Amino acid sequence: MQNPHYLKDESLNQSITDKSTIETKQIVIGIVTRIDLINFITNEEEQKSRSGTHSPISPEKNGSDTDE
């Protein structure tokens, strides 16, 4: 069996339809392909090399304020 060439992010949603019935739905939140991952890694590496930082999370992304 061959592995799929994508990642599927799913969520289960349960709702009560009446007093004794619970309905469960599987919801696809997102799909990521190999090329998406390569683009993400490449963009992160380019940003690191331009800014000179090696932190995996920049202040803009984690919400911290650097002007204090």
N, C-alpha and C. Protein backbone atom coordinates (compact mmCIF):
# COMPACT_ATOMS: atom_id res chain seq x y z
N MET A 1 0.85 -1.20 0.00
CA MET A 1 0.00 0.00 0.00
C MET A 1 0.88 1.24 0.00
N GLN A 2 0.60 2.16 -0.89
CA GLN A 2 1.38 3.37 -1.03
C GLN A 2 0.80 4.47 -0.15
N ASN A 3 1.69 5.26 0.46
CA ASN A 3 1.24 6.38 1.29
C ASN A 3 0.70 7.50 0.41
N PRO A 4 -0.33 8.22 0.89
CA PRO A 4 -0.84 9.36 0.10
C PRO A 4 0.20 10.49 0.08
N HIS A 5 0.14 11.31 -0.93
CA HIS A 5 1.09 12.41 -1.09
C HIS A 5 0.51 13.73 -0.59
N TYR A 6 -0.27 13.66 0.46
CA TYR A 6 -0.87 14.85 1.04
C TYR A 6 -1.20 14.57 2.50
N LEU A 7 -1.45 15.63 3.24
CA LEU A 7 -1.88 15.53 4.64
C LEU A 7 -3.27 16.15 4.72
N LYS A 8 -4.19 15.44 5.32
CA LYS A 8 -5.56 15.93 5.45
C LYS A 8 -5.83 16.19 6.94
N ASP A 9 -6.18 17.42 7.25
CA ASP A 9 -6.50 17.81 8.62
C ASP A 9 -8.01 17.72 8.78
N GLU A 10 -8.45 16.88 9.72
CA GLU A 10 -9.87 16.64 9.90
C GLU A 10 -10.30 16.93 11.33
N SER A 11 -11.58 17.16 11.49
CA SER A 11 -12.18 17.39 12.80
C SER A 11 -13.50 16.64 12.86
N LEU A 12 -13.83 16.14 14.02
CA LEU A 12 -15.14 15.50 14.21
C LEU A 12 -16.06 16.49 14.92
N ASN A 13 -17.26 16.61 14.42
CA ASN A 13 -18.25 17.51 15.00
C ASN A 13 -19.45 16.67 15.43
N GLN A 14 -19.80 16.75 16.71
CA GLN A 14 -20.95 16.00 17.21
C GLN A 14 -22.05 16.98 17.60
N SER A 15 -23.28 16.66 17.20
CA SER A 15 -24.42 17.50 17.58
C SER A 15 -25.58 16.60 18.00
N ILE A 16 -26.37 17.10 18.90
CA ILE A 16 -27.52 16.36 19.40
C ILE A 16 -28.72 16.76 18.55
N THR A 17 -29.31 15.77 17.85
CA THR A 17 -30.44 16.07 16.97
C THR A 17 -31.77 15.96 17.69
N ASP A 18 -31.85 15.07 18.65
CA ASP A 18 -33.01 15.00 19.54
C ASP A 18 -32.53 14.39 20.86
N LYS A 19 -33.45 14.03 21.75
CA LYS A 19 -33.07 13.59 23.10
C LYS A 19 -32.16 12.36 23.12
N SER A 20 -32.25 11.49 22.13
CA SER A 20 -31.48 10.24 22.20
C SER A 20 -30.55 10.03 21.00
N THR A 21 -30.42 11.01 20.12
CA THR A 21 -29.60 10.82 18.92
C THR A 21 -28.47 11.84 18.88
N ILE A 22 -27.27 11.34 18.70
CA ILE A 22 -26.09 12.19 18.50
C ILE A 22 -25.60 11.97 17.08
N GLU A 23 -25.50 13.04 16.32
CA GLU A 23 -25.03 12.98 14.94
C GLU A 23 -23.57 13.40 14.90
N THR A 24 -22.71 12.59 14.28
CA THR A 24 -21.29 12.90 14.16
C THR A 24 -20.95 13.13 12.70
N LYS A 25 -20.26 14.26 12.45
CA LYS A 25 -19.82 14.59 11.10
C LYS A 25 -18.31 14.75 11.09
N GLN A 26 -17.69 14.28 10.03
CA GLN A 26 -16.26 14.44 9.83
C GLN A 26 -16.06 15.63 8.89
N ILE A 27 -15.31 16.63 9.35
CA ILE A 27 -15.11 17.86 8.59
C ILE A 27 -13.65 17.98 8.20
N VAL A 28 -13.37 18.20 6.91
CA VAL A 28 -12.01 18.42 6.45
C VAL A 28 -11.70 19.90 6.63
N ILE A 29 -10.66 20.19 7.42
CA ILE A 29 -10.28 21.57 7.71
C ILE A 29 -9.28 22.08 6.67
N GLY A 30 -8.36 21.22 6.24
CA GLY A 30 -7.37 21.64 5.26
C GLY A 30 -6.64 20.47 4.66
N ILE A 31 -6.01 20.72 3.52
CA ILE A 31 -5.20 19.71 2.85
C ILE A 31 -3.86 20.35 2.52
N VAL A 32 -2.77 19.65 2.84
CA VAL A 32 -1.42 20.14 2.58
C VAL A 32 -0.70 19.11 1.72
N THR A 33 -0.11 19.57 0.63
CA THR A 33 0.64 18.68 -0.25
C THR A 33 2.13 18.80 0.03
N ARG A 34 2.92 17.94 -0.59
CA ARG A 34 4.37 18.00 -0.42
C ARG A 34 4.93 19.33 -0.89
N ILE A 35 4.43 19.83 -2.01
CA ILE A 35 4.94 21.11 -2.53
C ILE A 35 4.60 22.25 -1.59
N ASP A 36 3.45 22.20 -0.89
CA ASP A 36 3.12 23.21 0.11
C ASP A 36 4.16 23.21 1.23
N LEU A 37 4.54 22.02 1.69
CA LEU A 37 5.54 21.92 2.75
C LEU A 37 6.90 22.42 2.30
N ILE A 38 7.29 22.08 1.07
CA ILE A 38 8.57 22.54 0.54
C ILE A 38 8.57 24.07 0.44
N ASN A 39 7.49 24.65 -0.07
CA ASN A 39 7.39 26.11 -0.16
C ASN A 39 7.46 26.77 1.21
N PHE A 40 6.79 26.19 2.19
CA PHE A 40 6.81 26.74 3.55
C PHE A 40 8.22 26.73 4.12
N ILE A 41 8.90 25.60 4.01
CA ILE A 41 10.27 25.47 4.53
C ILE A 41 11.20 26.43 3.81
N THR A 42 11.08 26.52 2.50
CA THR A 42 11.94 27.41 1.72
C THR A 42 11.72 28.86 2.11
N ASN A 43 10.47 29.27 2.25
CA ASN A 43 10.18 30.66 2.65
C ASN A 43 10.70 30.97 4.04
N GLU A 44 10.57 30.03 4.96
CA GLU A 44 11.08 30.24 6.33
C GLU A 44 12.60 30.40 6.32
N GLU A 45 13.29 29.56 5.55
CA GLU A 45 14.75 29.63 5.47
C GLU A 45 15.19 30.95 4.84
N GLU A 46 14.49 31.41 3.81
CA GLU A 46 14.82 32.68 3.18
C GLU A 46 14.64 33.84 4.14
N GLN A 47 13.56 33.81 4.92
CA GLN A 47 13.33 34.88 5.90
C GLN A 47 14.41 34.88 6.97
N LYS A 48 14.80 33.71 7.42
CA LYS A 48 15.86 33.61 8.44
C LYS A 48 17.17 34.17 7.91
N SER A 49 17.52 33.83 6.67
CA SER A 49 18.79 34.29 6.12
C SER A 49 18.79 35.80 5.90
N ARG A 50 17.65 36.38 5.55
CA ARG A 50 17.56 37.83 5.36
C ARG A 50 17.63 38.58 6.68
N SER A 51 16.97 38.06 7.71
CA SER A 51 16.92 38.77 8.99
C SER A 51 18.10 38.43 9.90
N GLY A 52 18.82 37.36 9.60
CA GLY A 52 19.97 36.98 10.41
C GLY A 52 19.59 36.27 11.69
N THR A 53 18.34 35.90 11.87
CA THR A 53 17.90 35.21 13.08
C THR A 53 17.70 33.73 12.79
N HIS A 54 17.83 32.93 13.81
CA HIS A 54 17.63 31.49 13.67
C HIS A 54 16.51 31.00 14.57
N SER A 55 15.69 31.93 15.06
CA SER A 55 14.55 31.58 15.90
C SER A 55 13.44 31.00 15.04
N PRO A 56 12.84 29.88 15.47
CA PRO A 56 11.76 29.30 14.68
C PRO A 56 10.50 30.15 14.64
N ILE A 57 10.34 31.05 15.62
CA ILE A 57 9.14 31.91 15.67
C ILE A 57 9.62 33.35 15.76
N SER A 58 9.23 34.15 14.80
CA SER A 58 9.60 35.56 14.84
C SER A 58 8.62 36.32 15.72
N PRO A 59 8.99 37.49 16.25
CA PRO A 59 8.09 38.25 17.13
C PRO A 59 6.76 38.60 16.48
N GLU A 60 6.75 38.81 15.15
CA GLU A 60 5.51 39.15 14.48
C GLU A 60 4.53 37.98 14.52
N LYS A 61 5.03 36.76 14.48
CA LYS A 61 4.16 35.59 14.43
C LYS A 61 3.62 35.20 15.80
N ASN A 62 4.41 35.40 16.87
CA ASN A 62 3.92 34.93 18.17
C ASN A 62 3.23 36.02 18.98
N GLY A 63 3.13 37.25 18.40
CA GLY A 63 2.36 38.29 19.06
C GLY A 63 3.10 39.08 20.10
N SER A 64 4.40 38.83 20.34
CA SER A 64 5.13 39.60 21.33
C SER A 64 5.54 40.93 20.75
N ASP A 65 5.69 41.92 21.62
CA ASP A 65 6.05 43.26 21.19
C ASP A 65 7.51 43.49 21.51
N THR A 66 8.32 43.87 20.52
CA THR A 66 9.76 44.04 20.74
C THR A 66 10.12 45.49 21.01
N ASP A 67 9.15 46.42 21.02
CA ASP A 67 9.44 47.84 21.23
C ASP A 67 9.46 48.25 22.68
N GLU A 68 9.37 47.32 23.61
CA GLU A 68 9.30 47.66 25.04
C GLU A 68 10.65 48.03 25.58
